[in-house]
PDB file of N, CA and C in Angstrom:
ATOM      1  N   VAL A   1     156.281  88.400 -30.689  1.00  0.00           N
ATOM      2  CA  VAL A   1     156.200  89.091 -29.400  1.00  0.00           C
ATOM      3  C   VAL A   1     157.429  89.006 -28.392  1.00  0.00           C
ATOM      4  N   ASP A   2     157.908  89.932 -27.966  1.00  0.00           N
ATOM      5  CA  ASP A   2     159.225  90.022 -26.575  1.00  0.00           C
ATOM      6  C   ASP A   2     158.567  90.530 -25.810  1.00  0.00           C
ATOM      7  N   LEU A   3     158.094  89.131 -24.595  1.00  0.00           N
ATOM      8  CA  LEU A   3     157.609  89.557 -23.205  1.00  0.00           C
ATOM      9  C   LEU A   3     158.342  90.189 -22.477  1.00  0.00           C
ATOM     10  N   GLY A   4     160.032  90.158 -22.518  1.00  0.00           N
ATOM     11  CA  GLY A   4     160.711  90.124 -21.774  1.00  0.00           C
ATOM     12  C   GLY A   4     161.218  92.132 -22.231  1.00  0.00           C
ATOM     13  N   GLY A   5     160.612  92.262 -23.249  1.00  0.00           N
ATOM     14  CA  GLY A   5     161.081  93.730 -23.860  1.00  0.00           C
ATOM     15  C   GLY A   5     159.421  94.383 -23.949  1.00  0.00           C
ATOM     16  N   ARG A   6     158.530  94.018 -23.300  1.00  0.00           N
ATOM     17  CA  ARG A   6     156.965  94.067 -23.217  1.00  0.00           C
ATOM     18  C   ARG A   6     156.818  95.059 -24.782  1.00  0.00           C
ATOM     19  N   ARG A   7     156.776  94.130 -25.730  1.00  0.00           N
ATOM     20  CA  ARG A   7     156.674  94.755 -27.112  1.00  0.00           C
ATOM     21  C   ARG A   7     156.405  93.623 -27.854  1.00  0.00           C
ATOM     22  N   ILE A   8     155.636  94.271 -29.208  1.00  0.00           N
ATOM     23  CA  ILE A   8     155.649  93.270 -29.926  1.00  0.00           C
ATOM     24  C   ILE A   8     156.171  94.282 -31.367  1.00  0.00           C
ATOM     25  N   ILE A   9     156.558  93.207 -31.940  1.00  0.00           N
ATOM     26  CA  ILE A   9     157.471  93.688 -33.229  1.00  0.00           C
ATOM     27  C   ILE A   9     156.947  93.097 -34.398  1.00  0.00           C
ATOM     28  N   LYS A  10     156.735  94.007 -35.661  1.00  0.00           N
ATOM     29  CA  LYS A  10     156.454  93.870 -37.099  1.00  0.00           C
ATOM     30  C   LYS A  10     157.773  93.717 -37.547  1.00  0.00           C
ATOM     31  N   LYS A  11     157.908  92.710 -38.475  1.00  0.00           N
ATOM     32  CA  LYS A  11     158.994  93.051 -39.515  1.00  0.00           C
ATOM     33  C   LYS A  11     158.453  91.907 -40.841  1.00  0.00           C
ATOM     34  N   GLN A  12     159.348  92.792 -41.864  1.00  0.00           N
ATOM     35  CA  GLN A  12     159.100  92.495 -43.236  1.00  0.00           C
ATOM     36  C   GLN A  12     160.040  92.491 -43.961  1.00  0.00           C
ATOM     37  N   GLY A  13     160.612  91.561 -44.490  1.00  0.00           N
ATOM     38  CA  GLY A  13     161.436  91.253 -45.205  1.00  0.00           C
ATOM     39  C   GLY A  13     162.882  90.931 -44.146  1.00  0.00           C
ATOM     40  N   GLY A  14     162.731  90.752 -43.310  1.00  0.00           N
ATOM     41  CA  GLY A  14     163.749  90.317 -42.245  1.00  0.00           C
ATOM     42  C   GLY A  14     163.994  91.672 -41.608  1.00  0.00           C
ATOM     43  N   HIS A  15     163.400  92.774 -41.915  1.00  0.00           N
ATOM     44  CA  HIS A  15     163.862  94.040 -41.253  1.00  0.00           C
ATOM     45  C   HIS A  15     162.562  94.708 -40.084  1.00  0.00           C
ATOM     46  N   GLU A  16     162.820  95.526 -39.206  1.00  0.00           N
ATOM     47  CA  GLU A  16     161.954  96.085 -37.944  1.00  0.00           C
ATOM     48  C   GLU A  16     161.482  97.035 -39.012  1.00  0.00           C
ATOM     49  N   ILE A  17     160.202  96.842 -38.917  1.00  0.00           N
ATOM     50  CA  ILE A  17     159.053  98.142 -39.549  1.00  0.00           C
ATOM     51  C   ILE A  17     158.268  98.653 -38.550  1.00  0.00           C
ATOM     52  N   GLY A  18     158.032  98.304 -37.420  1.00  0.00           N
ATOM     53  CA  GLY A  18     157.171  98.646 -36.379  1.00  0.00           C
ATOM     54  C   GLY A  18     157.395  98.099 -35.286  1.00  0.00           C
ATOM     55  N   THR A  19     157.170  98.985 -34.256  1.00  0.00           N
ATOM     56  CA  THR A  19     156.936  98.052 -32.365  1.00  0.00           C
ATOM     57  C   THR A  19     155.686  98.610 -31.800  1.00  0.00           C
ATOM     58  N   ALA A  20     155.265  98.485 -30.821  1.00  0.00           N
ATOM     59  CA  ALA A  20     153.986  98.630 -30.127  1.00  0.00           C
ATOM     60  C   ALA A  20     154.346  98.037 -28.701  1.00  0.00           C
ATOM     61  N   VAL A  21     153.954  98.720 -27.540  1.00  0.00           N
ATOM     62  CA  VAL A  21     154.176  98.380 -26.130  1.00  0.00           C
ATOM     63  C   VAL A  21     153.040  97.317 -25.928  1.00  0.00           C
ATOM     64  N   ILE A  22     152.866  96.245 -25.110  1.00  0.00           N
ATOM     65  CA  ILE A  22     152.130  95.460 -24.945  1.00  0.00           C
ATOM     66  C   ILE A  22     151.699  95.177 -23.518  1.00  0.00           C
ATOM     67  N   LEU A  23     150.825  94.250 -23.096  1.00  0.00           N
ATOM     68  CA  LEU A  23     150.397  94.079 -21.901  1.00  0.00           C
ATOM     69  C   LEU A  23     150.636  92.492 -22.142  1.00  0.00           C
ATOM     70  N   TYR A  24     150.712  91.715 -21.342  1.00  0.00           N
ATOM     71  CA  TYR A  24     150.946  90.202 -21.249  1.00  0.00           C
ATOM     72  C   TYR A  24     149.992  89.407 -20.080  1.00  0.00           C
ATOM     73  N   GLY A  25     150.081  88.253 -19.945  1.00  0.00           N
ATOM     74  CA  GLY A  25     149.543  87.246 -19.202  1.00  0.00           C
ATOM     75  C   GLY A  25     149.875  87.553 -17.424  1.00  0.00           C
ATOM     76  N   ALA A  26     149.143  87.907 -16.487  1.00  0.00           N
ATOM     77  CA  ALA A  26     149.348  87.696 -15.379  1.00  0.00           C
ATOM     78  C   ALA A  26     149.962  86.468 -14.753  1.00  0.00           C
ATOM     79  N   ASP A  27     150.652  86.499 -13.302  1.00  0.00           N
ATOM     80  CA  ASP A  27     151.523  85.203 -13.211  1.00  0.00           C
ATOM     81  C   ASP A  27     150.550  84.023 -12.967  1.00  0.00           C
ATOM     82  N   SER A  28     149.202  84.263 -12.673  1.00  0.00           N
ATOM     83  CA  SER A  28     147.986  83.006 -12.711  1.00  0.00           C
ATOM     84  C   SER A  28     147.551  82.765 -14.011  1.00  0.00           C
ATOM     85  N   HIS A  29     147.968  83.758 -14.806  1.00  0.00           N
ATOM     86  CA  HIS A  29     147.418  83.365 -16.364  1.00  0.00           C
ATOM     87  C   HIS A  29     148.233  83.529 -17.060  1.00  0.00           C
ATOM     88  N   MET A  30     148.938  82.953 -17.229  1.00  0.00           N
ATOM     89  CA  MET A  30     150.540  83.234 -17.933  1.00  0.00           C
ATOM     90  C   MET A  30     150.271  82.918 -19.718  1.00  0.00           C
ATOM     91  N   THR A  31     150.930  84.031 -20.456  1.00  0.00           N
ATOM     92  CA  THR A  31     150.907  83.994 -21.668  1.00  0.00           C
ATOM     93  C   THR A  31     151.715  82.960 -22.389  1.00  0.00           C
ATOM     94  N   PRO A  32     151.348  82.342 -23.047  1.00  0.00           N
ATOM     95  CA  PRO A  32     152.117  80.746 -23.604  1.00  0.00           C
ATOM     96  C   PRO A  32     153.262  81.499 -24.648  1.00  0.00           C
ATOM     97  N   MET A  33     154.257  80.623 -24.810  1.00  0.00           N
ATOM     98  CA  MET A  33     155.397  81.103 -25.427  1.00  0.00           C
ATOM     99  C   MET A  33     155.136  79.826 -26.467  1.00  0.00           C
ATOM    100  N   GLY A  34     155.807  80.042 -27.754  1.00  0.00           N
ATOM    101  CA  GLY A  34     155.801  79.450 -28.669  1.00  0.00           C
ATOM    102  C   GLY A  34     155.429  80.081 -30.262  1.00  0.00           C
ATOM    103  N   SER A  35     155.472  79.265 -31.416  1.00  0.00           N
ATOM    104  CA  SER A  35     155.150  80.095 -32.597  1.00  0.00           C
ATOM    105  C   SER A  35     153.774  79.500 -32.649  1.00  0.00           C
ATOM    106  N   PHE A  36     152.883  80.329 -33.160  1.00  0.00           N
ATOM    107  CA  PHE A  36     151.240  80.121 -33.490  1.00  0.00           C
ATOM    108  C   PHE A  36     150.855  80.770 -34.346  1.00  0.00           C
ATOM    109  N   PRO A  37     149.832  80.208 -35.208  1.00  0.00           N
ATOM    110  CA  PRO A  37     149.272  80.604 -36.362  1.00  0.00           C
ATOM    111  C   PRO A  37     148.181  81.216 -36.008  1.00  0.00           C
ATOM    112  N   ILE A  38     147.585  82.405 -37.074  1.00  0.00           N
ATOM    113  CA  ILE A  38     146.198  83.041 -36.207  1.00  0.00           C
ATOM    114  C   ILE A  38     145.464  81.929 -36.758  1.00  0.00           C
ATOM    115  N   ALA A  39     144.298  82.003 -35.964  1.00  0.00           N
ATOM    116  CA  ALA A  39     143.525  80.952 -36.226  1.00  0.00           C
ATOM    117  C   ALA A  39     142.281  81.557 -36.731  1.00  0.00           C
ATOM    118  N   GLU A  40     142.071  82.942 -36.576  1.00  0.00           N
ATOM    119  CA  GLU A  40     140.715  83.586 -36.568  1.00  0.00           C
ATOM    120  C   GLU A  40     140.879  84.883 -36.397  1.00  0.00           C
ATOM    121  N   LYS A  41     140.422  85.816 -37.205  1.00  0.00           N
ATOM    122  CA  LYS A  41     140.553  87.634 -37.190  1.00  0.00           C
ATOM    123  C   LYS A  41     139.077  87.995 -37.185  1.00  0.00           C
ATOM    124  N   ASN A  42     138.965  89.021 -36.017  1.00  0.00           N
ATOM    125  CA  ASN A  42     137.939  89.489 -35.755  1.00  0.00           C
ATOM    126  C   ASN A  42     137.661  91.361 -35.027  1.00  0.00           C
ATOM    127  N   ARG A  43     137.671  91.714 -36.189  1.00  0.00           N
ATOM    128  CA  ARG A  43     137.915  93.430 -35.735  1.00  0.00           C
ATOM    129  C   ARG A  43     136.877  93.923 -34.858  1.00  0.00           C
ATOM    130  N   ASP A  44     135.980  93.302 -34.309  1.00  0.00           N
ATOM    131  CA  ASP A  44     134.857  93.922 -33.258  1.00  0.00           C
ATOM    132  C   ASP A  44     134.745  93.119 -32.297  1.00  0.00           C
ATOM    133  N   TYR A  45     135.708  92.416 -31.898  1.00  0.00           N
ATOM    134  CA  TYR A  45     135.184  90.922 -31.308  1.00  0.00           C
ATOM    135  C   TYR A  45     135.364  91.557 -29.489  1.00  0.00           C
ATOM    136  N   HIS A  46     134.355  90.808 -28.814  1.00  0.00           N
ATOM    137  CA  HIS A  46     133.925  91.207 -27.363  1.00  0.00           C
ATOM    138  C   HIS A  46     133.486  89.922 -26.713  1.00  0.00           C
ATOM    139  N   SER A  47     134.746  89.989 -25.620  1.00  0.00           N
ATOM    140  CA  SER A  47     134.750  88.830 -24.489  1.00  0.00           C
ATOM    141  C   SER A  47     133.516  88.346 -23.962  1.00  0.00           C
ATOM    142  N   ARG A  48     132.904  87.308 -24.319  1.00  0.00           N
ATOM    143  CA  ARG A  48     131.666  87.037 -23.621  1.00  0.00           C
ATOM    144  C   ARG A  48     132.210  86.732 -21.908  1.00  0.00           C
ATOM    145  N   THR A  49     133.195  86.060 -21.785  1.00  0.00           N
ATOM    146  CA  THR A  49     134.027  85.388 -20.966  1.00  0.00           C
ATOM    147  C   THR A  49     133.855  86.685 -19.786  1.00  0.00           C
ATOM    148  N   TYR A  50     135.114  88.044 -20.212  1.00  0.00           N
ATOM    149  CA  TYR A  50     135.290  88.798 -19.720  1.00  0.00           C
ATOM    150  C   TYR A  50     134.383  90.354 -20.087  1.00  0.00           C
ATOM    151  N   ASP A  51     133.440  90.071 -20.502  1.00  0.00           N
ATOM    152  CA  ASP A  51     132.639  91.090 -20.794  1.00  0.00           C
ATOM    153  C   ASP A  51     133.033  91.835 -21.258  1.00  0.00           C
ATOM    154  N   ALA A  52     134.370  92.217 -22.045  1.00  0.00           N
ATOM    155  CA  ALA A  52     135.434  93.418 -22.313  1.00  0.00           C
ATOM    156  C   ALA A  52     135.584  93.456 -23.822  1.00  0.00           C
ATOM    157  N   PRO A  53     135.637  94.605 -24.731  1.00  0.00           N
ATOM    158  CA  PRO A  53     135.889  94.806 -25.833  1.00  0.00           C
ATOM    159  C   PRO A  53     137.293  94.288 -26.009  1.00  0.00           C
ATOM    160  N   MET A  54     137.740  93.328 -27.152  1.00  0.00           N
ATOM    161  CA  MET A  54     138.910  93.343 -27.552  1.00  0.00           C
ATOM    162  C   MET A  54     139.171  93.250 -29.034  1.00  0.00           C
ATOM    163  N   PRO A  55     139.272  94.334 -29.471  1.00  0.00           N
ATOM    164  CA  PRO A  55     139.271  94.946 -30.695  1.00  0.00           C
ATOM    165  C   PRO A  55     140.874  94.531 -31.312  1.00  0.00           C
ATOM    166  N   TYR A  56     140.420  94.321 -32.884  1.00  0.00           N
ATOM    167  CA  TYR A  56     141.084  93.600 -33.834  1.00  0.00           C
ATOM    168  C   TYR A  56     142.156  92.569 -33.177  1.00  0.00           C
ATOM    169  N   SER A  57     140.925  91.366 -32.949  1.00  0.00           N
ATOM    170  CA  SER A  57     141.840  89.872 -31.870  1.00  0.00           C
ATOM    171  C   SER A  57     142.070  89.272 -33.214  1.00  0.00           C
ATOM    172  N   LEU A  58     143.377  88.619 -33.018  1.00  0.00           N
ATOM    173  CA  LEU A  58     143.910  87.641 -33.541  1.00  0.00           C
ATOM    174  C   LEU A  58     144.179  86.361 -33.018  1.00  0.00           C
ATOM    175  N   ARG A  59     142.808  85.469 -33.302  1.00  0.00           N
ATOM    176  CA  ARG A  59     143.425  84.482 -31.883  1.00  0.00           C
ATOM    177  C   ARG A  59     143.811  83.570 -32.316  1.00  0.00           C
ATOM    178  N   LEU A  60     144.941  82.826 -31.592  1.00  0.00           N
ATOM    179  CA  LEU A  60     146.100  82.203 -31.407  1.00  0.00           C
ATOM    180  C   LEU A  60     145.828  80.651 -31.129  1.00  0.00           C
ATOM    181  N   THR A  61     145.017  80.474 -30.290  1.00  0.00           N
ATOM    182  CA  THR A  61     145.131  79.064 -29.352  1.00  0.00           C
ATOM    183  C   THR A  61     143.317  78.353 -29.302  1.00  0.00           C
ATOM    184  N   GLU A  62     143.123  77.432 -29.578  1.00  0.00           N
ATOM    185  CA  GLU A  62     141.604  76.835 -29.098  1.00  0.00           C
ATOM    186  C   GLU A  62     141.103  77.676 -27.999  1.00  0.00           C
ATOM    187  N   ASP A  63     142.015  77.767 -26.981  1.00  0.00           N
ATOM    188  CA  ASP A  63     141.218  77.950 -25.728  1.00  0.00           C
ATOM    189  C   ASP A  63     141.164  79.782 -25.437  1.00  0.00           C
ATOM    190  N   GLY A  64     141.111  80.380 -26.584  1.00  0.00           N
ATOM    191  CA  GLY A  64     141.333  81.774 -26.338  1.00  0.00           C
ATOM    192  C   GLY A  64     142.191  82.754 -26.297  1.00  0.00           C
ATOM    193  N   VAL A  65     143.660  82.379 -26.361  1.00  0.00           N
ATOM    194  CA  VAL A  65     144.787  83.142 -26.191  1.00  0.00           C
ATOM    195  C   VAL A  65     144.736  83.741 -27.604  1.00  0.00           C
ATOM    196  N   ALA A  66     144.908  85.260 -27.624  1.00  0.00           N
ATOM    197  CA  ALA A  66     144.489  86.216 -28.735  1.00  0.00           C
ATOM    198  C   ALA A  66     145.706  87.586 -28.596  1.00  0.00           C
ATOM    199  N   ILE A  67     146.189  88.296 -29.488  1.00  0.00           N
ATOM    200  CA  ILE A  67     146.944  89.239 -30.121  1.00  0.00           C
ATOM    201  C   ILE A  67     145.459  90.161 -29.993  1.00  0.00           C
ATOM    202  N   HIS A  68     145.282  91.477 -29.412  1.00  0.00           N
ATOM    203  CA  HIS A  68     144.083  92.109 -29.538  1.00  0.00           C
ATOM    204  C   HIS A  68     144.405  93.559 -29.012  1.00  0.00           C
ATOM    205  N   GLY A  69     143.621  94.719 -29.630  1.00  0.00           N
ATOM    206  CA  GLY A  69     143.608  95.822 -28.835  1.00  0.00           C
ATOM    207  C   GLY A  69     143.396  96.337 -27.437  1.00  0.00           C
ATOM    208  N   SER A  70     144.060  96.989 -26.882  1.00  0.00           N
ATOM    209  CA  SER A  70     144.020  96.886 -25.086  1.00  0.00           C
ATOM    210  C   SER A  70     144.557  98.161 -24.605  1.00  0.00           C
ATOM    211  N   ASP A  71     143.944  98.730 -23.571  1.00  0.00           N
ATOM    212  CA  ASP A  71     143.773  99.513 -22.530  1.00  0.00           C
ATOM    213  C   ASP A  71     145.598  99.346 -21.961  1.00  0.00           C
ATOM    214  N   VAL A  72     146.511  99.871 -22.634  1.00  0.00           N
ATOM    215  CA  VAL A  72     147.874  99.080 -22.136  1.00  0.00           C
ATOM    216  C   VAL A  72     148.134 100.366 -20.968  1.00  0.00           C
ATOM    217  N   ARG A  73     148.616  99.882 -19.806  1.00  0.00           N
ATOM    218  CA  ARG A  73     148.571 100.528 -18.797  1.00  0.00           C
ATOM    219  C   ARG A  73     149.478 100.621 -17.671  1.00  0.00           C
ATOM    220  N   ARG A  74     150.582 100.927 -17.175  1.00  0.00           N
ATOM    221  CA  ARG A  74     151.536 100.331 -16.224  1.00  0.00           C
ATOM    222  C   ARG A  74     150.955  99.339 -15.106  1.00  0.00           C
ATOM    223  N   GLY A  75     151.494  97.873 -14.759  1.00  0.00           N
ATOM    224  CA  GLY A  75     150.748  97.369 -13.907  1.00  0.00           C
ATOM    225  C   GLY A  75     149.816  96.387 -14.346  1.00  0.00           C
ATOM    226  N   SER A  76     149.176  96.725 -15.556  1.00  0.00           N
ATOM    227  CA  SER A  76     148.143  96.014 -16.192  1.00  0.00           C
ATOM    228  C   SER A  76     148.454  94.718 -16.369  1.00  0.00           C
ATOM    229  N   ALA A  77     147.815  93.352 -16.484  1.00  0.00           N
ATOM    230  CA  ALA A  77     147.973  92.169 -17.109  1.00  0.00           C
ATOM    231  C   ALA A  77     146.708  91.730 -18.018  1.00  0.00           C
ATOM    232  N   THR A  78     146.665  90.582 -18.676  1.00  0.00           N
ATOM    233  CA  THR A  78     145.747  89.979 -19.161  1.00  0.00           C
ATOM    234  C   THR A  78     145.580  88.440 -18.326  1.00  0.00           C
ATOM    235  N   HIS A  79     144.508  87.770 -18.939  1.00  0.00           N
ATOM    236  CA  HIS A  79     144.491  86.567 -18.723  1.00  0.00           C
ATOM    237  C   HIS A  79     144.952  85.533 -19.793  1.00  0.00           C
ATOM    238  N   GLY A  80     146.262  86.135 -20.147  1.00  0.00           N
ATOM    239  CA  GLY A  80     146.742  85.058 -21.017  1.00  0.00           C
ATOM    240  C   GLY A  80     147.030  85.552 -22.449  1.00  0.00           C
ATOM    241  N   CYS A  81     146.409  86.395 -22.696  1.00  0.00           N
ATOM    242  CA  CYS A  81     146.519  87.513 -24.186  1.00  0.00           C
ATOM    243  C   CYS A  81     147.519  88.572 -24.021  1.00  0.00           C
ATOM    244  N   VAL A  82     147.922  88.697 -25.320  1.00  0.00           N
ATOM    245  CA  VAL A  82     148.876  89.782 -25.368  1.00  0.00           C
ATOM    246  C   VAL A  82     147.914  90.992 -26.231  1.00  0.00           C
ATOM    247  N   GLY A  83     147.704  91.895 -25.251  1.00  0.00           N
ATOM    248  CA  GLY A  83     147.087  93.245 -25.315  1.00  0.00           C
ATOM    249  C   GLY A  83     148.378  93.972 -25.983  1.00  0.00           C
ATOM    250  N   ILE A  84     147.657  94.797 -27.054  1.00  0.00           N
ATOM    251  CA  ILE A  84     148.208  95.974 -27.493  1.00  0.00           C
ATOM    252  C   ILE A  84     147.729  97.146 -27.657  1.00  0.00           C
TER     253      ILE A  84
END
């Protein structure tokens, strides 16, 4: 994930094979930096906390930070997740 470039990059064998535009955490809910193993995969996840669909979720932290499908729009942000 490249927060500065607002994109996620997929690499295979050291070569970039795809990119997508992302949303990330607002100033009040920053997206954590670092390397995180995928703790859980859920194709049809729906957040009870935010009452929002988060399809294709890849949970990264115990407190719920994930990479997930999102309606990516200019000016939007997340509560710490990476929205694709």
